[in-house]
Amino acid sequence: MTLPRAHGPDAPAESLLTMLAVVAICVLAAGYGRGVHELWYRRGAGAVLPAWRVGAFGAGVLVVLAADHGPVHTLAESSFAGHMAQHMLLLLVAGPLLAAGAVGLPLSLAAPRSLRRLLARCRASPPVRRLRRPTAYAPLAGAAQMVMLWFWHLPGPYVAAVDRPAVHAAEHLCLLGTAWLFWAPVLGAARRRPPAPVTVLLLVGTMLPASALGAVLTFAPEPVYPPRVLGPDPLTDQQLAGLLMWAPMDAVVLVVALAVFLRWLLRMDRSDVPQAVARPAVAEAGSEGMA
């Protein structure tokens, strides 16, 4: 058995959703590009927003398009493992790249002046200011990603996403949106990042539920999903999908958590060096004064 393709009345709906998705991505990219142009025109190329962040955003847009079209999309229509590979591209590649693009300032500059004023008032309100604190925002973003990951891989929602193009589009939007929000405090602007220990705990804490879900799919003695939404060998397809969720998620999160932790240790060492140099100097000055 293979995953059903959209035929008959569902085919026009899928085509329309695909067109709307492409248009939305193009509008987002155009707004980001306009904001970057405005920013660099005022401050100079590479100022405020480094070129590598702009490149990361562009790469993220390309990964989203590649995940929903072409060979990856064709593979996702024929097996659960292919569908899982699609999800991992959105969660572990597109989401981090878009988050590294730091879209807030460019999109604000590209927005109409009236909308900018409205956004400024919203950001200045006490509830939003409290929510925008990194230590408050990061755990909520991590929890949202884990809830969406588990929800869309439950049998009911997953089958609905396979059968209905609109639900499928909602699934991908939820996964990409929560991944974007989750990685924003990790890879976004430095002033919006939580302390390094909080970031490490956040990464590890979100990795464990994802690993548990991957383990359930990998070691289940029989298919969790109806055979019609799995590949030709349903159990093998489900086990491969579980491994695709389990191994890449653990690898990426552990590498990033280790990098954050090591950078924090190096920063602490650098801050201790001036103090260690200053102590002998003070002691020497005191001894000269006594002499």
C-alpha atoms as a PDB file:
ATOM      1  CA  MET A   1       0.000   0.000   0.000  1.00  0.00           C
ATOM      2  CA  THR A   2       1.095   3.566  -0.637  1.00  0.00           C
ATOM      3  CA  LEU A   3       0.058   6.919   0.631  1.00  0.00           C
ATOM      4  CA  PRO A   4      -2.869   8.295  -1.373  1.00  0.00           C
ATOM      5  CA  ARG A   5      -2.294  11.053  -3.855  1.00  0.00           C
ATOM      6  CA  ALA A   6      -4.737  13.873  -4.371  1.00  0.00           C
ATOM      7  CA  HIS A   7      -7.130  12.978  -7.181  1.00  0.00           C
ATOM      8  CA  GLY A   8     -10.597  14.088  -8.190  1.00  0.00           C
ATOM      9  CA  PRO A   9     -12.023  16.855  -6.002  1.00  0.00           C
ATOM     10  CA  ASP A  10      -8.905  17.006  -3.816  1.00  0.00           C
ATOM     11  CA  ALA A  11      -6.507  17.753  -6.681  1.00  0.00           C
ATOM     12  CA  PRO A  12      -7.691  21.370  -7.283  1.00  0.00           C
ATOM     13  CA  ALA A  13      -7.595  22.037  -3.535  1.00  0.00           C
ATOM     14  CA  GLU A  14      -4.025  20.759  -3.320  1.00  0.00           C
ATOM     15  CA  SER A  15      -2.982  22.865  -6.310  1.00  0.00           C
ATOM     16  CA  LEU A  16      -4.587  25.961  -4.798  1.00  0.00           C
ATOM     17  CA  LEU A  17      -2.896  25.388  -1.426  1.00  0.00           C
ATOM     18  CA  THR A  18       0.450  24.856  -3.126  1.00  0.00           C
ATOM     19  CA  MET A  19       0.048  28.114  -5.038  1.00  0.00           C
ATOM     20  CA  LEU A  20      -0.959  29.999  -1.883  1.00  0.00           C
ATOM     21  CA  ALA A  21       2.019  28.572   0.005  1.00  0.00           C
ATOM     22  CA  VAL A  22       4.435  29.655  -2.731  1.00  0.00           C
ATOM     23  CA  VAL A  23       2.875  33.129  -2.816  1.00  0.00           C
ATOM     24  CA  ALA A  24       3.120  33.458   0.980  1.00  0.00           C
ATOM     25  CA  ILE A  25       6.787  32.428   0.933  1.00  0.00           C
ATOM     26  CA  CYS A  26       7.523  34.892  -1.870  1.00  0.00           C
ATOM     27  CA  VAL A  27       5.776  37.718   0.004  1.00  0.00           C
ATOM     28  CA  LEU A  28       7.747  36.889   3.156  1.00  0.00           C
ATOM     29  CA  ALA A  29      11.032  36.811   1.257  1.00  0.00           C
ATOM     30  CA  ALA A  30      10.196  40.071  -0.537  1.00  0.00           C
ATOM     31  CA  GLY A  31       9.333  41.823   2.730  1.00  0.00           C
ATOM     32  CA  TYR A  32      12.527  40.579   4.346  1.00  0.00           C
ATOM     33  CA  GLY A  33      14.593  41.691   1.358  1.00  0.00           C
ATOM     34  CA  ARG A  34      13.016  45.131   1.379  1.00  0.00           C
ATOM     35  CA  GLY A  35      13.664  45.511   5.109  1.00  0.00           C
ATOM     36  CA  VAL A  36      17.303  44.459   4.739  1.00  0.00           C
ATOM     37  CA  HIS A  37      17.761  46.900   1.853  1.00  0.00           C
ATOM     38  CA  GLU A  38      16.268  49.709   3.929  1.00  0.00           C
ATOM     39  CA  LEU A  39      18.456  48.858   6.911  1.00  0.00           C
ATOM     40  CA  TRP A  40      21.671  48.586   4.953  1.00  0.00           C
ATOM     41  CA  TYR A  41      20.864  51.741   2.991  1.00  0.00           C
ATOM     42  CA  ARG A  42      20.662  53.669   6.263  1.00  0.00           C
ATOM     43  CA  ARG A  43      23.487  52.023   8.220  1.00  0.00           C
ATOM     44  CA  GLY A  44      25.742  50.472   5.565  1.00  0.00           C
ATOM     45  CA  ALA A  45      25.939  46.956   4.153  1.00  0.00           C
ATOM     46  CA  GLY A  46      26.340  44.352   6.864  1.00  0.00           C
ATOM     47  CA  ALA A  47      25.545  46.776   9.701  1.00  0.00           C
ATOM     48  CA  VAL A  48      23.103  45.694  12.448  1.00  0.00           C
ATOM     49  CA  LEU A  49      22.130  42.594  10.436  1.00  0.00           C
ATOM     50  CA  PRO A  50      25.219  40.659   9.261  1.00  0.00           C
ATOM     51  CA  ALA A  51      25.292  39.180   5.786  1.00  0.00           C
ATOM     52  CA  TRP A  52      25.455  35.638   7.167  1.00  0.00           C
ATOM     53  CA  ARG A  53      22.042  36.080   8.783  1.00  0.00           C
ATOM     54  CA  VAL A  54      20.568  37.234   5.485  1.00  0.00           C
ATOM     55  CA  GLY A  55      22.114  34.211   3.796  1.00  0.00           C
ATOM     56  CA  ALA A  56      20.694  31.930   6.485  1.00  0.00           C
ATOM     57  CA  PHE A  57      17.198  33.291   5.896  1.00  0.00           C
ATOM     58  CA  GLY A  58      17.508  32.796   2.144  1.00  0.00           C
ATOM     59  CA  ALA A  59      18.727  29.239   2.656  1.00  0.00           C
ATOM     60  CA  GLY A  60      15.802  28.580   4.998  1.00  0.00           C
ATOM     61  CA  VAL A  61      13.317  29.708   2.353  1.00  0.00           C
ATOM     62  CA  LEU A  62      14.951  27.392  -0.191  1.00  0.00           C
ATOM     63  CA  VAL A  63      14.779  24.461   2.235  1.00  0.00           C
ATOM     64  CA  VAL A  64      11.048  25.077   2.796  1.00  0.00           C
ATOM     65  CA  LEU A  65      10.454  25.053  -0.950  1.00  0.00           C
ATOM     66  CA  ALA A  66      12.578  21.917  -1.366  1.00  0.00           C
ATOM     67  CA  ALA A  67      10.733  20.121   1.440  1.00  0.00           C
ATOM     68  CA  ASP A  68       7.301  20.758  -0.049  1.00  0.00           C
ATOM     69  CA  HIS A  69       8.152  20.259  -3.725  1.00  0.00           C
ATOM     70  CA  GLY A  70      10.278  18.056  -5.910  1.00  0.00           C
ATOM     71  CA  PRO A  71      11.836  14.723  -4.926  1.00  0.00           C
ATOM     72  CA  VAL A  72      11.262  15.121  -1.191  1.00  0.00           C
ATOM     73  CA  HIS A  73       7.553  15.732  -1.699  1.00  0.00           C
ATOM     74  CA  THR A  74       7.311  12.761  -4.085  1.00  0.00           C
ATOM     75  CA  LEU A  75       9.021  10.507  -1.538  1.00  0.00           C
ATOM     76  CA  ALA A  76       6.691  11.765   1.202  1.00  0.00           C
ATOM     77  CA  GLU A  77       3.680  10.686  -0.855  1.00  0.00           C
ATOM     78  CA  SER A  78       4.909   7.093  -1.049  1.00  0.00           C
ATOM     79  CA  SER A  79       6.058   6.333   2.503  1.00  0.00           C
ATOM     80  CA  PHE A  80       5.814   7.415   6.121  1.00  0.00           C
ATOM     81  CA  ALA A  81       9.625   7.568   6.266  1.00  0.00           C
ATOM     82  CA  GLY A  82       9.608  10.061   3.391  1.00  0.00           C
ATOM     83  CA  HIS A  83       6.994  12.115   5.206  1.00  0.00           C
ATOM     84  CA  MET A  84       9.167  12.054   8.329  1.00  0.00           C
ATOM     85  CA  ALA A  85      12.196  13.205   6.333  1.00  0.00           C
ATOM     86  CA  GLN A  86      10.059  16.115   5.162  1.00  0.00           C
ATOM     87  CA  HIS A  87       9.197  16.953   8.768  1.00  0.00           C
ATOM     88  CA  MET A  88      12.832  16.787   9.871  1.00  0.00           C
ATOM     89  CA  LEU A  89      13.827  19.203   7.108  1.00  0.00           C
ATOM     90  CA  LEU A  90      11.266  21.680   8.423  1.00  0.00           C
ATOM     91  CA  LEU A  91      12.129  21.159  12.098  1.00  0.00           C
ATOM     92  CA  LEU A  92      15.922  20.812  12.027  1.00  0.00           C
ATOM     93  CA  VAL A  93      17.012  22.727   8.912  1.00  0.00           C
ATOM     94  CA  ALA A  94      14.431  25.277   7.770  1.00  0.00           C
ATOM     95  CA  GLY A  95      13.365  26.336  11.276  1.00  0.00           C
ATOM     96  CA  PRO A  96      16.906  27.061  12.549  1.00  0.00           C
ATOM     97  CA  LEU A  97      17.900  28.849   9.331  1.00  0.00           C
ATOM     98  CA  LEU A  98      14.837  31.096   9.382  1.00  0.00           C
ATOM     99  CA  ALA A  99      15.383  31.812  13.081  1.00  0.00           C
ATOM    100  CA  ALA A 100      19.012  32.737  12.414  1.00  0.00           C
ATOM    101  CA  GLY A 101      17.750  35.259   9.855  1.00  0.00           C
ATOM    102  CA  ALA A 102      16.445  37.513  12.687  1.00  0.00           C
ATOM    103  CA  VAL A 103      13.410  38.600  10.679  1.00  0.00           C
ATOM    104  CA  GLY A 104      11.861  40.930  13.264  1.00  0.00           C
ATOM    105  CA  LEU A 105      13.683  44.147  12.360  1.00  0.00           C
ATOM    106  CA  PRO A 106      13.663  43.724   8.541  1.00  0.00           C
ATOM    107  CA  LEU A 107       9.959  42.876   8.446  1.00  0.00           C
ATOM    108  CA  SER A 108       9.172  45.805  10.743  1.00  0.00           C
ATOM    109  CA  LEU A 109      11.019  48.176   8.408  1.00  0.00           C
ATOM    110  CA  ALA A 110       9.186  46.731   5.403  1.00  0.00           C
ATOM    111  CA  ALA A 111       5.752  47.117   7.011  1.00  0.00           C
ATOM    112  CA  PRO A 112       3.583  50.232   6.445  1.00  0.00           C
ATOM    113  CA  ARG A 113       4.079  53.007   8.973  1.00  0.00           C
ATOM    114  CA  SER A 114       0.638  52.534  10.553  1.00  0.00           C
ATOM    115  CA  LEU A 115       1.318  48.835  11.082  1.00  0.00           C
ATOM    116  CA  ARG A 116       4.716  49.655  12.582  1.00  0.00           C
ATOM    117  CA  ARG A 117       3.083  51.982  15.103  1.00  0.00           C
ATOM    118  CA  LEU A 118       0.573  49.287  16.024  1.00  0.00           C
ATOM    119  CA  LEU A 119       3.336  46.710  16.490  1.00  0.00           C
ATOM    120  CA  ALA A 120       5.337  49.157  18.610  1.00  0.00           C
ATOM    121  CA  ARG A 121       2.343  49.723  20.892  1.00  0.00           C
ATOM    122  CA  CYS A 122       1.821  45.976  21.203  1.00  0.00           C
ATOM    123  CA  ARG A 123       5.477  45.371  22.071  1.00  0.00           C
ATOM    124  CA  ALA A 124       5.359  48.146  24.678  1.00  0.00           C
ATOM    125  CA  SER A 125       2.345  46.702  26.495  1.00  0.00           C
ATOM    126  CA  PRO A 126       3.217  45.075  29.860  1.00  0.00           C
ATOM    127  CA  PRO A 127       1.941  41.545  29.028  1.00  0.00           C
ATOM    128  CA  VAL A 128       3.877  41.416  25.758  1.00  0.00           C
ATOM    129  CA  ARG A 129       7.004  42.817  27.373  1.00  0.00           C
ATOM    130  CA  ARG A 130       6.889  40.086  30.009  1.00  0.00           C
ATOM    131  CA  LEU A 131       6.298  37.441  27.357  1.00  0.00           C
ATOM    132  CA  ARG A 132       9.204  38.724  25.232  1.00  0.00           C
ATOM    133  CA  ARG A 133      11.696  38.132  28.030  1.00  0.00           C
ATOM    134  CA  PRO A 134      13.986  35.300  26.883  1.00  0.00           C
ATOM    135  CA  THR A 135      13.536  33.299  30.086  1.00  0.00           C
ATOM    136  CA  ALA A 136       9.749  33.405  29.660  1.00  0.00           C
ATOM    137  CA  TYR A 137       9.543  33.064  25.893  1.00  0.00           C
ATOM    138  CA  ALA A 138      12.025  30.226  25.357  1.00  0.00           C
ATOM    139  CA  PRO A 139      10.281  27.580  27.532  1.00  0.00           C
ATOM    140  CA  LEU A 140       6.920  28.413  25.942  1.00  0.00           C
ATOM    141  CA  ALA A 141       8.410  28.024  22.467  1.00  0.00           C
ATOM    142  CA  GLY A 142       9.958  24.687  23.419  1.00  0.00           C
ATOM    143  CA  ALA A 143       6.695  23.427  24.870  1.00  0.00           C
ATOM    144  CA  ALA A 144       4.787  24.534  21.757  1.00  0.00           C
ATOM    145  CA  GLN A 145       7.152  22.627  19.483  1.00  0.00           C
ATOM    146  CA  MET A 146       6.864  19.428  21.525  1.00  0.00           C
ATOM    147  CA  VAL A 147       3.061  19.650  21.658  1.00  0.00           C
ATOM    148  CA  MET A 148       2.847  20.133  17.879  1.00  0.00           C
ATOM    149  CA  LEU A 149       5.334  17.337  17.223  1.00  0.00           C
ATOM    150  CA  TRP A 150       3.408  14.826  19.318  1.00  0.00           C
ATOM    151  CA  PHE A 151      -0.028  15.997  18.159  1.00  0.00           C
ATOM    152  CA  TRP A 152       0.673  15.731  14.430  1.00  0.00           C
ATOM    153  CA  HIS A 153       2.209  12.277  14.820  1.00  0.00           C
ATOM    154  CA  LEU A 154      -0.750  10.811  16.660  1.00  0.00           C
ATOM    155  CA  PRO A 155      -2.626   8.398  14.346  1.00  0.00           C
ATOM    156  CA  GLY A 156      -5.773  10.539  14.002  1.00  0.00           C
ATOM    157  CA  PRO A 157      -4.171  13.871  13.052  1.00  0.00           C
ATOM    158  CA  TYR A 158      -1.557  12.185  10.869  1.00  0.00           C
ATOM    159  CA  VAL A 159      -4.138  10.245   8.840  1.00  0.00           C
ATOM    160  CA  ALA A 160      -6.209  13.429   8.476  1.00  0.00           C
ATOM    161  CA  ALA A 161      -3.140  15.247   7.158  1.00  0.00           C
ATOM    162  CA  VAL A 162      -2.497  12.488   4.613  1.00  0.00           C
ATOM    163  CA  ASP A 163      -6.119  12.443   3.427  1.00  0.00           C
ATOM    164  CA  ARG A 164      -6.844  16.187   3.319  1.00  0.00           C
ATOM    165  CA  PRO A 165      -4.560  18.772   1.643  1.00  0.00           C
ATOM    166  CA  ALA A 166      -5.787  21.595   3.901  1.00  0.00           C
ATOM    167  CA  VAL A 167      -4.935  19.616   7.036  1.00  0.00           C
ATOM    168  CA  HIS A 168      -1.586  18.657   5.507  1.00  0.00           C
ATOM    169  CA  ALA A 169      -0.806  22.319   4.910  1.00  0.00           C
ATOM    170  CA  ALA A 170      -1.827  23.151   8.497  1.00  0.00           C
ATOM    171  CA  GLU A 171       0.450  20.368   9.757  1.00  0.00           C
ATOM    172  CA  HIS A 172       3.494  21.730   7.950  1.00  0.00           C
ATOM    173  CA  LEU A 173       2.686  25.304   8.963  1.00  0.00           C
ATOM    174  CA  CYS A 174       2.455  24.300  12.639  1.00  0.00           C
ATOM    175  CA  LEU A 175       5.701  22.315  12.545  1.00  0.00           C
ATOM    176  CA  LEU A 176       7.634  25.038  10.719  1.00  0.00           C
ATOM    177  CA  GLY A 177       6.172  27.865  12.820  1.00  0.00           C
ATOM    178  CA  THR A 178       6.907  26.239  16.172  1.00  0.00           C
ATOM    179  CA  ALA A 179      10.409  25.220  15.024  1.00  0.00           C
ATOM    180  CA  TRP A 180      11.047  28.823  13.967  1.00  0.00           C
ATOM    181  CA  LEU A 181       9.873  30.094  17.353  1.00  0.00           C
ATOM    182  CA  PHE A 182      11.852  27.431  19.216  1.00  0.00           C
ATOM    183  CA  TRP A 183      15.170  28.180  17.519  1.00  0.00           C
ATOM    184  CA  ALA A 184      14.755  31.978  17.649  1.00  0.00           C
ATOM    185  CA  PRO A 185      16.040  32.357  21.243  1.00  0.00           C
ATOM    186  CA  VAL A 186      18.900  29.957  20.474  1.00  0.00           C
ATOM    187  CA  LEU A 187      20.126  31.370  17.146  1.00  0.00           C
ATOM    188  CA  GLY A 188      18.509  34.818  17.013  1.00  0.00           C
ATOM    189  CA  ALA A 189      19.930  38.166  18.092  1.00  0.00           C
ATOM    190  CA  ALA A 190      22.204  37.936  21.140  1.00  0.00           C
ATOM    191  CA  ARG A 191      20.088  40.345  23.189  1.00  0.00           C
ATOM    192  CA  ARG A 192      17.071  38.042  22.785  1.00  0.00           C
ATOM    193  CA  ARG A 193      18.832  34.887  23.980  1.00  0.00           C
ATOM    194  CA  PRO A 194      18.297  33.404  27.444  1.00  0.00           C
ATOM    195  CA  PRO A 195      21.318  32.597  29.639  1.00  0.00           C
ATOM    196  CA  ALA A 196      23.411  29.699  28.370  1.00  0.00           C
ATOM    197  CA  PRO A 197      22.397  27.259  31.151  1.00  0.00           C
ATOM    198  CA  VAL A 198      18.723  27.946  30.396  1.00  0.00           C
ATOM    199  CA  THR A 199      19.354  27.359  26.683  1.00  0.00           C
ATOM    200  CA  VAL A 200      21.070  24.020  27.351  1.00  0.00           C
ATOM    201  CA  LEU A 201      18.234  22.867  29.598  1.00  0.00           C
ATOM    202  CA  LEU A 202      15.717  23.997  26.977  1.00  0.00           C
ATOM    203  CA  LEU A 203      17.456  22.041  24.219  1.00  0.00           C
ATOM    204  CA  VAL A 204      17.827  18.871  26.254  1.00  0.00           C
ATOM    205  CA  GLY A 205      14.312  19.167  27.674  1.00  0.00           C
ATOM    206  CA  THR A 206      12.760  19.383  24.210  1.00  0.00           C
ATOM    207  CA  MET A 207      14.970  16.621  22.827  1.00  0.00           C
ATOM    208  CA  LEU A 208      13.779  14.012  25.331  1.00  0.00           C
ATOM    209  CA  PRO A 209      10.059  13.983  24.351  1.00  0.00           C
ATOM    210  CA  ALA A 210      11.014  13.873  20.666  1.00  0.00           C
ATOM    211  CA  SER A 211      13.354  10.961  21.370  1.00  0.00           C
ATOM    212  CA  ALA A 212      10.573   9.198  23.248  1.00  0.00           C
ATOM    213  CA  LEU A 213       8.237   9.568  20.269  1.00  0.00           C
ATOM    214  CA  GLY A 214      10.929   8.287  17.912  1.00  0.00           C
ATOM    215  CA  ALA A 215      11.536   5.313  20.206  1.00  0.00           C
ATOM    216  CA  VAL A 216       7.817   4.479  20.290  1.00  0.00           C
ATOM    217  CA  LEU A 217       7.671   4.422  16.492  1.00  0.00           C
ATOM    218  CA  THR A 218      10.917   2.463  16.198  1.00  0.00           C
ATOM    219  CA  PHE A 219      10.209  -0.276  18.739  1.00  0.00           C
ATOM    220  CA  ALA A 220       6.446  -0.686  18.329  1.00  0.00           C
ATOM    221  CA  PRO A 221       5.769  -4.397  17.655  1.00  0.00           C
ATOM    222  CA  GLU A 222       3.143  -3.559  15.028  1.00  0.00           C
ATOM    223  CA  PRO A 223       2.165  -0.525  12.934  1.00  0.00           C
ATOM    224  CA  VAL A 224       0.657   2.327  14.927  1.00  0.00           C
ATOM    225  CA  TYR A 225      -0.945   3.821  11.811  1.00  0.00           C
ATOM    226  CA  PRO A 226      -3.352   2.269   9.293  1.00  0.00           C
ATOM    227  CA  PRO A 227      -1.398   0.291   6.664  1.00  0.00           C
ATOM    228  CA  ARG A 228      -2.863   2.421   3.860  1.00  0.00           C
ATOM    229  CA  VAL A 229      -0.844   5.465   5.004  1.00  0.00           C
ATOM    230  CA  LEU A 230       2.419   3.511   5.262  1.00  0.00           C
ATOM    231  CA  GLY A 231       4.801   2.133   2.667  1.00  0.00           C
ATOM    232  CA  PRO A 232       4.809  -1.319   1.037  1.00  0.00           C
ATOM    233  CA  ASP A 233       6.245  -2.848   4.253  1.00  0.00           C
ATOM    234  CA  PRO A 234       4.244  -0.984   6.937  1.00  0.00           C
ATOM    235  CA  LEU A 235       6.256  -1.980  10.022  1.00  0.00           C
ATOM    236  CA  THR A 236       9.642  -1.372   8.385  1.00  0.00           C
ATOM    237  CA  ASP A 237       8.433   1.974   7.053  1.00  0.00           C
ATOM    238  CA  GLN A 238       7.282   3.016  10.523  1.00  0.00           C
ATOM    239  CA  GLN A 239      10.555   1.888  12.133  1.00  0.00           C
ATOM    240  CA  LEU A 240      12.613   3.830   9.590  1.00  0.00           C
ATOM    241  CA  ALA A 241      10.450   6.897  10.214  1.00  0.00           C
ATOM    242  CA  GLY A 242      11.055   6.561  13.960  1.00  0.00           C
ATOM    243  CA  LEU A 243      14.811   6.398  13.403  1.00  0.00           C
ATOM    244  CA  LEU A 244      14.664   9.450  11.135  1.00  0.00           C
ATOM    245  CA  MET A 245      13.003  11.365  13.953  1.00  0.00           C
ATOM    246  CA  TRP A 246      15.153   9.955  16.725  1.00  0.00           C
ATOM    247  CA  ALA A 247      18.740  10.084  15.431  1.00  0.00           C
ATOM    248  CA  PRO A 248      18.840  13.465  13.610  1.00  0.00           C
ATOM    249  CA  MET A 249      16.913  15.242  16.380  1.00  0.00           C
ATOM    250  CA  ASP A 250      19.273  13.959  19.082  1.00  0.00           C
ATOM    251  CA  ALA A 251      22.386  14.678  17.016  1.00  0.00           C
ATOM    252  CA  VAL A 252      21.456  18.249  16.095  1.00  0.00           C
ATOM    253  CA  VAL A 253      20.223  19.217  19.550  1.00  0.00           C
ATOM    254  CA  LEU A 254      23.215  17.682  21.364  1.00  0.00           C
ATOM    255  CA  VAL A 255      25.707  19.405  19.047  1.00  0.00           C
ATOM    256  CA  VAL A 256      24.024  22.794  19.501  1.00  0.00           C
ATOM    257  CA  ALA A 257      23.717  22.327  23.280  1.00  0.00           C
ATOM    258  CA  LEU A 258      27.407  21.393  23.502  1.00  0.00           C
ATOM    259  CA  ALA A 259      28.385  24.430  21.411  1.00  0.00           C
ATOM    260  CA  VAL A 260      26.329  26.760  23.624  1.00  0.00           C
ATOM    261  CA  PHE A 261      27.822  25.246  26.783  1.00  0.00           C
ATOM    262  CA  LEU A 262      31.428  25.463  25.546  1.00  0.00           C
ATOM    263  CA  ARG A 263      30.953  29.048  24.381  1.00  0.00           C
ATOM    264  CA  TRP A 264      29.602  29.908  27.829  1.00  0.00           C
ATOM    265  CA  LEU A 265      32.660  28.333  29.504  1.00  0.00           C
ATOM    266  CA  LEU A 266      35.027  30.214  27.194  1.00  0.00           C
ATOM    267  CA  ARG A 267      33.250  33.469  27.920  1.00  0.00           C
ATOM    268  CA  MET A 268      33.597  32.842  31.667  1.00  0.00           C
ATOM    269  CA  ASP A 269      37.322  32.120  31.250  1.00  0.00           C
ATOM    270  CA  ARG A 270      37.846  35.359  29.332  1.00  0.00           C
ATOM    271  CA  SER A 271      36.037  37.350  32.000  1.00  0.00           C
ATOM    272  CA  ASP A 272      38.232  35.789  34.706  1.00  0.00           C
ATOM    273  CA  VAL A 273      41.524  36.630  32.957  1.00  0.00           C
ATOM    274  CA  PRO A 274      41.470  40.433  33.595  1.00  0.00           C
ATOM    275  CA  GLN A 275      40.690  39.817  37.263  1.00  0.00           C
ATOM    276  CA  ALA A 276      43.584  37.356  37.568  1.00  0.00           C
ATOM    277  CA  VAL A 277      45.942  39.886  35.922  1.00  0.00           C
ATOM    278  CA  ALA A 278      44.682  42.725  38.091  1.00  0.00           C
ATOM    279  CA  ARG A 279      45.350  40.960  41.409  1.00  0.00           C
ATOM    280  CA  PRO A 280      49.180  40.752  41.020  1.00  0.00           C
ATOM    281  CA  ALA A 281      49.232  44.367  39.858  1.00  0.00           C
ATOM    282  CA  VAL A 282      47.350  45.501  42.959  1.00  0.00           C
ATOM    283  CA  ALA A 283      49.577  43.423  45.210  1.00  0.00           C
ATOM    284  CA  GLU A 284      52.692  44.865  43.576  1.00  0.00           C
ATOM    285  CA  ALA A 285      51.452  48.414  43.979  1.00  0.00           C
ATOM    286  CA  GLY A 286      50.729  47.760  47.634  1.00  0.00           C
ATOM    287  CA  SER A 287      54.194  46.398  48.276  1.00  0.00           C
ATOM    288  CA  GLU A 288      55.790  49.422  46.591  1.00  0.00           C
ATOM    289  CA  GLY A 289      53.715  51.733  48.772  1.00  0.00           C
ATOM    290  CA  MET A 290      54.870  49.926  51.918  1.00  0.00           C
ATOM    291  CA  ALA A 291      58.462  50.200  50.786  1.00  0.00           C
END
